[in-house]
C-alpha atoms as a PDB file:
ATOM      1  CA  MET A   1     121.426 110.446  99.711  1.00  0.00           C
ATOM      2  CA  ASN A   2     122.864 108.758 102.710  1.00  0.00           C
ATOM      3  CA  GLY A   3     121.438 106.443 105.429  1.00  0.00           C
ATOM      4  CA  THR A   4     119.136 103.531 105.877  1.00  0.00           C
ATOM      5  CA  MET A   5     115.049 102.856 104.883  1.00  0.00           C
ATOM      6  CA  LYS A   6     112.739 101.129 106.179  1.00  0.00           C
ATOM      7  CA  THR A   7     111.487  97.907 103.859  1.00  0.00           C
ATOM      8  CA  ALA A   8     108.852  95.598 104.123  1.00  0.00           C
ATOM      9  CA  VAL A   9     109.777  92.297 103.310  1.00  0.00           C
ATOM     10  CA  MET A  10     108.264  88.345 102.605  1.00  0.00           C
ATOM     11  CA  LEU A  11     109.925  86.324 105.150  1.00  0.00           C
ATOM     12  CA  GLY A  12     107.449  83.339 104.343  1.00  0.00           C
ATOM     13  CA  ILE A  13     103.818  82.020 103.489  1.00  0.00           C
ATOM     14  CA  ARG A  14     101.795  84.422 105.772  1.00  0.00           C
ATOM     15  CA  LYS A  15     104.817  86.007 107.092  1.00  0.00           C
ATOM     16  CA  MET A  16     105.775  89.602 106.726  1.00  0.00           C
ATOM     17  CA  GLY A  17     108.813  91.992 108.527  1.00  0.00           C
ATOM     18  CA  PHE A  18     110.288  95.254 108.241  1.00  0.00           C
ATOM     19  CA  GLU A  19     114.230  95.626 107.761  1.00  0.00           C
ATOM     20  CA  GLU A  20     116.425  98.093 107.870  1.00  0.00           C
ATOM     21  CA  ARG A  21     118.621  98.335 104.354  1.00  0.00           C
ATOM     22  CA  LYS A  22     120.921 100.818 103.051  1.00  0.00           C
ATOM     23  CA  ILE A  23     119.226 103.291 100.742  1.00  0.00           C
ATOM     24  CA  PRO A  24     121.020 102.280  97.343  1.00  0.00           C
ATOM     25  CA  VAL A  25     122.914 104.770  95.321  1.00  0.00           C
ATOM     26  CA  PRO A  26     121.375 104.673  91.286  1.00  0.00           C
ATOM     27  CA  ARG A  27     123.926 104.183  88.520  1.00  0.00           C
ATOM     28  CA  GLU A  28     123.504 105.770  85.277  1.00  0.00           C
ATOM     29  CA  ASN A  29     120.262 105.562  83.561  1.00  0.00           C
ATOM     30  CA  GLU A  30     118.578 104.918  86.967  1.00  0.00           C
ATOM     31  CA  VAL A  31     116.899 106.799  89.104  1.00  0.00           C
ATOM     32  CA  LEU A  32     116.001 106.458  92.898  1.00  0.00           C
ATOM     33  CA  VAL A  33     112.517 106.871  93.686  1.00  0.00           C
ATOM     34  CA  LYS A  34     110.897 107.186  97.290  1.00  0.00           C
ATOM     35  CA  LEU A  35     107.290 105.346  97.758  1.00  0.00           C
ATOM     36  CA  GLU A  36     104.918 107.684  99.260  1.00  0.00           C
ATOM     37  CA  TYR A  37     101.674 105.375  99.349  1.00  0.00           C
ATOM     38  CA  VAL A  38     101.004 101.576  98.561  1.00  0.00           C
ATOM     39  CA  GLY A  39      97.933  99.334  97.500  1.00  0.00           C
ATOM     40  CA  ILE A  40      97.501  95.629  98.054  1.00  0.00           C
ATOM     41  CA  CYS A  41      95.657  93.889  95.011  1.00  0.00           C
ATOM     42  CA  GLY A  42      94.281  90.685  94.568  1.00  0.00           C
ATOM     43  CA  SER A  43      97.591  89.106  93.056  1.00  0.00           C
ATOM     44  CA  ASP A  44      99.654  90.236  96.326  1.00  0.00           C
ATOM     45  CA  LEU A  45      96.874  88.634  98.569  1.00  0.00           C
ATOM     46  CA  HIS A  46      97.442  85.365  96.893  1.00  0.00           C
ATOM     47  CA  TYR A  47     101.250  85.407  96.488  1.00  0.00           C
ATOM     48  CA  TYR A  48     100.916  86.106 100.548  1.00  0.00           C
ATOM     49  CA  GLU A  49      98.699  83.233 101.410  1.00  0.00           C
ATOM     50  CA  THR A  50     100.588  81.036  98.871  1.00  0.00           C
ATOM     51  CA  GLY A  51     104.095  81.584  98.018  1.00  0.00           C
ATOM     52  CA  VAL A  52     103.055  81.502  94.456  1.00  0.00           C
ATOM     53  CA  ILE A  53     103.483  84.124  91.449  1.00  0.00           C
ATOM     54  CA  ASP A  54     101.565  83.948  88.339  1.00  0.00           C
ATOM     55  CA  TYR A  55     104.606  85.053  86.022  1.00  0.00           C
ATOM     56  CA  SER A  56     102.456  84.947  82.808  1.00  0.00           C
ATOM     57  CA  VAL A  57     100.457  87.781  84.452  1.00  0.00           C
ATOM     58  CA  ASN A  58     101.945  91.270  84.126  1.00  0.00           C
ATOM     59  CA  HIS A  59     102.199  92.678  88.077  1.00  0.00           C
ATOM     60  CA  LYS A  60     102.093  96.291  88.149  1.00  0.00           C
ATOM     61  CA  ALA A  61     102.130  97.708  92.047  1.00  0.00           C
ATOM     62  CA  ASP A  62      99.569 100.654  92.761  1.00  0.00           C
ATOM     63  CA  ILE A  63     102.146 102.525  94.344  1.00  0.00           C
ATOM     64  CA  VAL A  64     102.626 106.276  94.173  1.00  0.00           C
ATOM     65  CA  LYS A  65     106.017 107.549  93.839  1.00  0.00           C
ATOM     66  CA  ALA A  66     108.579 110.726  94.052  1.00  0.00           C
ATOM     67  CA  VAL A  67     112.289 110.654  92.147  1.00  0.00           C
ATOM     68  CA  ILE A  68     114.473 111.634  94.854  1.00  0.00           C
ATOM     69  CA  ARG A  69     117.843 111.174  93.098  1.00  0.00           C
ATOM     70  CA  ILE A  70     119.172 110.514  89.183  1.00  0.00           C
ATOM     71  CA  GLY A  71     122.283 108.948  88.199  1.00  0.00           C
END
């Protein structure tokens, strides 16, 4: 799969943006997934507002994804 993908990136505290990035090629024992839907949780909002993540918490993303390619 060639081309670019649109990515949401945090540019600073309370500042989000979008960037076009090259679609990565999965290496051996990796998969490329496409995010279909993404949810936002309280931890995400805390990071957006303060820029601080509590690494003692196991962060899980609320996402729906599809496998696109296997390396």
